[in-house]
PDB file of all heavy atoms in Angstrom:
ATOM      1  N   ALA A   1     -64.458-144.341  25.517  1.00  0.00           N
ATOM      2  CA  ALA A   1     -63.000-144.250  25.444  1.00  0.00           C
ATOM      3  C   ALA A   1     -62.462-145.320  24.502  1.00  0.00           C
ATOM      4  O   ALA A   1     -63.024-146.412  24.394  1.00  0.00           O
ATOM      5  CB  ALA A   1     -62.390-144.408  26.833  1.00  0.00           C
ATOM      6  N   THR A   2     -61.384-145.001  23.823  1.00  0.00           N
ATOM      7  CA  THR A   2     -60.809-145.937  22.861  1.00  0.00           C
ATOM      8  C   THR A   2     -60.523-147.295  23.482  1.00  0.00           C
ATOM      9  O   THR A   2     -60.798-148.336  22.883  1.00  0.00           O
ATOM     10  CB  THR A   2     -59.512-145.346  22.269  1.00  0.00           C
ATOM     11  OG1 THR A   2     -59.847-144.197  21.485  1.00  0.00           O
ATOM     12  CG2 THR A   2     -58.808-146.373  21.386  1.00  0.00           C
ATOM     13  N   GLN A   3     -59.983-147.324  24.678  1.00  0.00           N
ATOM     14  CA  GLN A   3     -59.626-148.573  25.335  1.00  0.00           C
ATOM     15  C   GLN A   3     -60.838-149.310  25.874  1.00  0.00           C
ATOM     16  O   GLN A   3     -60.762-150.518  26.123  1.00  0.00           O
ATOM     17  CB  GLN A   3     -58.623-148.294  26.468  1.00  0.00           C
ATOM     18  CG  GLN A   3     -57.883-149.515  26.951  1.00  0.00           C
ATOM     19  CD  GLN A   3     -56.632-149.169  27.738  1.00  0.00           C
ATOM     20  OE1 GLN A   3     -56.063-148.090  27.559  1.00  0.00           O
ATOM     21  NE2 GLN A   3     -56.155-150.071  28.594  1.00  0.00           N
ATOM     22  N   GLY A   4     -61.962-148.582  26.009  1.00  0.00           N
ATOM     23  CA  GLY A   4     -63.186-149.176  26.520  1.00  0.00           C
ATOM     24  C   GLY A   4     -63.793-148.316  27.609  1.00  0.00           C
ATOM     25  O   GLY A   4     -63.146-147.413  28.162  1.00  0.00           O
ATOM     26  N   VAL A   5     -65.044-148.590  27.934  1.00  0.00           N
ATOM     27  CA  VAL A   5     -65.744-147.866  28.997  1.00  0.00           C
ATOM     28  C   VAL A   5     -64.988-148.036  30.309  1.00  0.00           C
ATOM     29  O   VAL A   5     -64.710-149.171  30.736  1.00  0.00           O
ATOM     30  CB  VAL A   5     -67.186-148.381  29.139  1.00  0.00           C
ATOM     31  CG1 VAL A   5     -67.868-147.755  30.354  1.00  0.00           C
ATOM     32  CG2 VAL A   5     -67.983-148.107  27.860  1.00  0.00           C
ATOM     33  N   LEU A   6     -64.649-146.930  30.961  1.00  0.00           N
ATOM     34  CA  LEU A   6     -63.819-146.995  32.161  1.00  0.00           C
ATOM     35  C   LEU A   6     -64.453-147.848  33.255  1.00  0.00           C
ATOM     36  O   LEU A   6     -63.785-148.693  33.864  1.00  0.00           O
ATOM     37  CB  LEU A   6     -63.546-145.587  32.694  1.00  0.00           C
ATOM     38  CG  LEU A   6     -62.725-145.523  33.993  1.00  0.00           C
ATOM     39  CD1 LEU A   6     -61.352-146.185  33.807  1.00  0.00           C
ATOM     40  CD2 LEU A   6     -62.574-144.077  34.464  1.00  0.00           C
ATOM     41  N   GLU A   7     -65.749-147.648  33.536  1.00  0.00           N
ATOM     42  CA  GLU A   7     -66.410-148.423  34.583  1.00  0.00           C
ATOM     43  C   GLU A   7     -66.342-149.925  34.292  1.00  0.00           C
ATOM     44  O   GLU A   7     -66.179-150.743  35.209  1.00  0.00           O
ATOM     45  CB  GLU A   7     -67.875-148.003  34.734  1.00  0.00           C
ATOM     46  CG  GLU A   7     -68.082-146.527  34.997  1.00  0.00           C
ATOM     47  CD  GLU A   7     -68.372-145.770  33.719  1.00  0.00           C
ATOM     48  OE1 GLU A   7     -67.492-145.653  32.853  1.00  0.00           O
ATOM     49  OE2 GLU A   7     -69.524-145.295  33.580  1.00  0.00           O
ATOM     50  N   SER A   8     -66.451-150.297  33.021  1.00  0.00           N
ATOM     51  CA  SER A   8     -66.401-151.708  32.649  1.00  0.00           C
ATOM     52  C   SER A   8     -64.990-152.254  32.777  1.00  0.00           C
ATOM     53  O   SER A   8     -64.790-153.389  33.225  1.00  0.00           O
ATOM     54  CB  SER A   8     -66.926-151.899  31.222  1.00  0.00           C
ATOM     55  OG  SER A   8     -68.279-151.449  31.138  1.00  0.00           O
ATOM     56  N   ARG A   9     -63.989-151.445  32.398  1.00  0.00           N
ATOM     57  CA  ARG A   9     -62.602-151.884  32.562  1.00  0.00           C
ATOM     58  C   ARG A   9     -62.251-152.030  34.038  1.00  0.00           C
ATOM     59  O   ARG A   9     -61.556-152.977  34.426  1.00  0.00           O
ATOM     60  CB  ARG A   9     -61.656-150.899  31.876  1.00  0.00           C
ATOM     61  CG  ARG A   9     -61.726-150.981  30.349  1.00  0.00           C
ATOM     62  CD  ARG A   9     -60.634-150.191  29.668  1.00  0.00           C
ATOM     63  NE  ARG A   9     -60.889-148.768  29.707  1.00  0.00           N
ATOM     64  CZ  ARG A   9     -60.098-147.875  30.270  1.00  0.00           C
ATOM     65  NH1 ARG A   9     -58.974-148.252  30.873  1.00  0.00           N
ATOM     66  NH2 ARG A   9     -60.419-146.580  30.266  1.00  0.00           N
ATOM     67  N   GLU A  10     -62.735-151.123  34.853  1.00  0.00           N
ATOM     68  CA  GLU A  10     -62.485-151.233  36.292  1.00  0.00           C
ATOM     69  C   GLU A  10     -63.160-152.478  36.861  1.00  0.00           C
ATOM     70  O   GLU A  10     -62.580-153.179  37.699  1.00  0.00           O
ATOM     71  CB  GLU A  10     -62.995-149.976  37.002  1.00  0.00           C
ATOM     72  CG  GLU A  10     -62.158-148.735  36.712  1.00  0.00           C
ATOM     73  CD  GLU A  10     -62.734-147.486  37.323  1.00  0.00           C
ATOM     74  OE1 GLU A  10     -63.964-147.466  37.619  1.00  0.00           O
ATOM     75  OE2 GLU A  10     -61.980-146.506  37.517  1.00  0.00           O
ATOM     76  N   PHE A  11     -64.369-152.760  36.407  1.00  0.00           N
ATOM     77  CA  PHE A  11     -65.073-153.956  36.871  1.00  0.00           C
ATOM     78  C   PHE A  11     -64.338-155.224  36.466  1.00  0.00           C
ATOM     79  O   PHE A  11     -64.155-156.131  37.288  1.00  0.00           O
ATOM     80  CB  PHE A  11     -66.504-153.963  36.315  1.00  0.00           C
ATOM     81  CG  PHE A  11     -67.295-155.179  36.713  1.00  0.00           C
ATOM     82  CD1 PHE A  11     -67.939-155.236  37.935  1.00  0.00           C
ATOM     83  CD2 PHE A  11     -67.382-156.271  35.857  1.00  0.00           C
ATOM     84  CE1 PHE A  11     -68.663-156.359  38.308  1.00  0.00           C
ATOM     85  CE2 PHE A  11     -68.100-157.396  36.225  1.00  0.00           C
ATOM     86  CZ  PHE A  11     -68.753-157.446  37.445  1.00  0.00           C
ATOM     87  N   VAL A  12     -63.929-155.310  35.204  1.00  0.00           N
ATOM     88  CA  VAL A  12     -63.189-156.486  34.736  1.00  0.00           C
ATOM     89  C   VAL A  12     -61.882-156.635  35.509  1.00  0.00           C
ATOM     90  O   VAL A  12     -61.497-157.750  35.889  1.00  0.00           O
ATOM     91  CB  VAL A  12     -62.933-156.393  33.222  1.00  0.00           C
ATOM     92  CG1 VAL A  12     -61.946-157.480  32.775  1.00  0.00           C
ATOM     93  CG2 VAL A  12     -64.234-156.528  32.438  1.00  0.00           C
ATOM     94  N   ALA A  13     -61.192-155.530  35.756  1.00  0.00           N
ATOM     95  CA  ALA A  13     -59.938-155.583  36.514  1.00  0.00           C
ATOM     96  C   ALA A  13     -60.177-156.153  37.913  1.00  0.00           C
ATOM     97  O   ALA A  13     -59.382-156.961  38.409  1.00  0.00           O
ATOM     98  CB  ALA A  13     -59.309-154.191  36.595  1.00  0.00           C
ATOM     99  N   ARG A  14     -61.262-155.767  38.553  1.00  0.00           N
ATOM    100  CA  ARG A  14     -61.578-156.310  39.883  1.00  0.00           C
ATOM    101  C   ARG A  14     -61.832-157.811  39.798  1.00  0.00           C
ATOM    102  O   ARG A  14     -61.408-158.576  40.680  1.00  0.00           O
ATOM    103  CB  ARG A  14     -62.784-155.586  40.482  1.00  0.00           C
ATOM    104  CG  ARG A  14     -62.514-154.159  40.915  1.00  0.00           C
ATOM    105  CD  ARG A  14     -63.603-153.632  41.823  1.00  0.00           C
ATOM    106  NE  ARG A  14     -64.895-153.533  41.144  1.00  0.00           N
ATOM    107  CZ  ARG A  14     -65.301-152.471  40.454  1.00  0.00           C
ATOM    108  NH1 ARG A  14     -64.515-151.409  40.331  1.00  0.00           N
ATOM    109  NH2 ARG A  14     -66.499-152.453  39.882  1.00  0.00           N
ATOM    110  N   MET A  15     -62.513-158.261  38.744  1.00  0.00           N
ATOM    111  CA  MET A  15     -62.743-159.698  38.565  1.00  0.00           C
ATOM    112  C   MET A  15     -61.423-160.449  38.434  1.00  0.00           C
ATOM    113  O   MET A  15     -61.256-161.539  39.006  1.00  0.00           O
ATOM    114  CB  MET A  15     -63.624-159.953  37.339  1.00  0.00           C
ATOM    115  CG  MET A  15     -65.070-159.570  37.486  1.00  0.00           C
ATOM    116  SD  MET A  15     -66.152-160.380  36.257  1.00  0.00           S
ATOM    117  CE  MET A  15     -65.378-159.874  34.723  1.00  0.00           C
ATOM    118  N   VAL A  16     -60.493-159.899  37.668  1.00  0.00           N
ATOM    119  CA  VAL A  16     -59.183-160.528  37.520  1.00  0.00           C
ATOM    120  C   VAL A  16     -58.494-160.615  38.873  1.00  0.00           C
ATOM    121  O   VAL A  16     -57.965-161.666  39.265  1.00  0.00           O
ATOM    122  CB  VAL A  16     -58.302-159.737  36.520  1.00  0.00           C
ATOM    123  CG1 VAL A  16     -56.895-160.330  36.466  1.00  0.00           C
ATOM    124  CG2 VAL A  16     -58.935-159.735  35.126  1.00  0.00           C
ATOM    125  N   ASN A  17     -58.517-159.525  39.613  1.00  0.00           N
ATOM    126  CA  ASN A  17     -57.791-159.457  40.877  1.00  0.00           C
ATOM    127  C   ASN A  17     -58.390-160.380  41.937  1.00  0.00           C
ATOM    128  O   ASN A  17     -57.680-160.871  42.820  1.00  0.00           O
ATOM    129  CB  ASN A  17     -57.746-158.016  41.375  1.00  0.00           C
ATOM    130  CG  ASN A  17     -56.942-157.119  40.442  1.00  0.00           C
ATOM    131  OD1 ASN A  17     -56.133-157.597  39.648  1.00  0.00           O
ATOM    132  ND2 ASN A  17     -57.181-155.810  40.518  1.00  0.00           N
ATOM    133  N   GLN A  18     -59.688-160.642  41.836  1.00  0.00           N
ATOM    134  CA  GLN A  18     -60.325-161.569  42.776  1.00  0.00           C
ATOM    135  C   GLN A  18     -59.877-163.010  42.579  1.00  0.00           C
ATOM    136  O   GLN A  18     -60.040-163.844  43.488  1.00  0.00           O
ATOM    137  CB  GLN A  18     -61.839-161.464  42.642  1.00  0.00           C
ATOM    138  CG  GLN A  18     -62.425-160.178  43.231  1.00  0.00           C
ATOM    139  CD  GLN A  18     -63.873-159.957  42.833  1.00  0.00           C
ATOM    140  OE1 GLN A  18     -64.492-160.802  42.179  1.00  0.00           O
ATOM    141  NE2 GLN A  18     -64.429-158.817  43.231  1.00  0.00           N
ATOM    142  N   ARG A  19     -59.315-163.331  41.417  1.00  0.00           N
ATOM    143  CA  ARG A  19     -58.791-164.676  41.209  1.00  0.00           C
ATOM    144  C   ARG A  19     -57.547-164.927  42.060  1.00  0.00           C
ATOM    145  O   ARG A  19     -57.165-166.079  42.295  1.00  0.00           O
ATOM    146  CB  ARG A  19     -58.413-164.884  39.741  1.00  0.00           C
ATOM    147  CG  ARG A  19     -59.538-164.717  38.760  1.00  0.00           C
ATOM    148  CD  ARG A  19     -59.017-164.790  37.332  1.00  0.00           C
ATOM    149  NE  ARG A  19     -59.949-164.186  36.377  1.00  0.00           N
ATOM    150  CZ  ARG A  19     -59.592-163.649  35.218  1.00  0.00           C
ATOM    151  NH1 ARG A  19     -58.321-163.601  34.868  1.00  0.00           N
ATOM    152  NH2 ARG A  19     -60.502-163.113  34.431  1.00  0.00           N
ATOM    153  N   GLY A  20     -56.897-163.848  42.499  1.00  0.00           N
ATOM    154  CA  GLY A  20     -55.652-163.964  43.236  1.00  0.00           C
ATOM    155  C   GLY A  20     -54.458-163.916  42.315  1.00  0.00           C
ATOM    156  O   GLY A  20     -54.579-163.844  41.091  1.00  0.00           O
ATOM    157  N   SER A  21     -53.285-163.948  42.868  1.00  0.00           N
ATOM    158  CA  SER A  21     -52.031-163.913  42.125  1.00  0.00           C
ATOM    159  C   SER A  21     -51.888-162.590  41.369  1.00  0.00           C
ATOM    160  O   SER A  21     -51.900-161.530  41.979  1.00  0.00           O
ATOM    161  CB  SER A  21     -51.917-165.116  41.186  1.00  0.00           C
ATOM    162  OG  SER A  21     -50.582-165.212  40.687  1.00  0.00           O
ATOM    163  N   TYR A  22     -51.785-162.613  40.042  1.00  0.00           N
ATOM    164  CA  TYR A  22     -51.476-161.413  39.290  1.00  0.00           C
ATOM    165  C   TYR A  22     -52.581-160.360  39.442  1.00  0.00           C
ATOM    166  O   TYR A  22     -53.759-160.656  39.348  1.00  0.00           O
ATOM    167  CB  TYR A  22     -51.283-161.738  37.807  1.00  0.00           C
ATOM    168  CG  TYR A  22     -50.677-160.584  37.033  1.00  0.00           C
ATOM    169  CD1 TYR A  22     -49.298-160.431  36.979  1.00  0.00           C
ATOM    170  CD2 TYR A  22     -51.466-159.648  36.391  1.00  0.00           C
ATOM    171  CE1 TYR A  22     -48.725-159.367  36.295  1.00  0.00           C
ATOM    172  CE2 TYR A  22     -50.906-158.594  35.708  1.00  0.00           C
ATOM    173  CZ  TYR A  22     -49.543-158.447  35.658  1.00  0.00           C
ATOM    174  OH  TYR A  22     -48.987-157.383  34.989  1.00  0.00           O
ATOM    175  N   GLN A  23     -52.176-159.113  39.663  1.00  0.00           N
ATOM    176  CA  GLN A  23     -53.088-158.003  39.847  1.00  0.00           C
ATOM    177  C   GLN A  23     -52.979-157.027  38.678  1.00  0.00           C
ATOM    178  O   GLN A  23     -51.892-156.698  38.232  1.00  0.00           O
ATOM    179  CB  GLN A  23     -52.792-157.270  41.150  1.00  0.00           C
ATOM    180  CG  GLN A  23     -52.895-158.165  42.397  1.00  0.00           C
ATOM    181  CD  GLN A  23     -54.309-158.592  42.701  1.00  0.00           C
ATOM    182  OE1 GLN A  23     -55.135-157.793  43.160  1.00  0.00           O
ATOM    183  NE2 GLN A  23     -54.619-159.864  42.450  1.00  0.00           N
ATOM    184  N   VAL A  24     -54.119-156.573  38.193  1.00  0.00           N
ATOM    185  CA  VAL A  24     -54.169-155.656  37.067  1.00  0.00           C
ATOM    186  C   VAL A  24     -54.872-154.373  37.467  1.00  0.00           C
ATOM    187  O   VAL A  24     -55.496-154.276  38.529  1.00  0.00           O
ATOM    188  CB  VAL A  24     -54.888-156.286  35.850  1.00  0.00           C
ATOM    189  CG1 VAL A  24     -54.203-157.568  35.413  1.00  0.00           C
ATOM    190  CG2 VAL A  24     -56.363-156.544  36.167  1.00  0.00           C
ATOM    191  N   THR A  25     -54.790-153.373  36.589  1.00  0.00           N
ATOM    192  CA  THR A  25     -55.582-152.161  36.711  1.00  0.00           C
ATOM    193  C   THR A  25     -56.438-152.016  35.458  1.00  0.00           C
ATOM    194  O   THR A  25     -56.310-152.804  34.507  1.00  0.00           O
ATOM    195  CB  THR A  25     -54.701-150.912  36.867  1.00  0.00           C
ATOM    196  OG1 THR A  25     -54.053-150.628  35.615  1.00  0.00           O
ATOM    197  CG2 THR A  25     -53.632-151.128  37.941  1.00  0.00           C
TER     198      THR A  25
END
């Protein structure tokens, strides 16, 4: 996908969200 591999984007988003505070998709 142009934006990146979906599974990898979902994984990175989970890493961001585990930091707390701001949540991404």
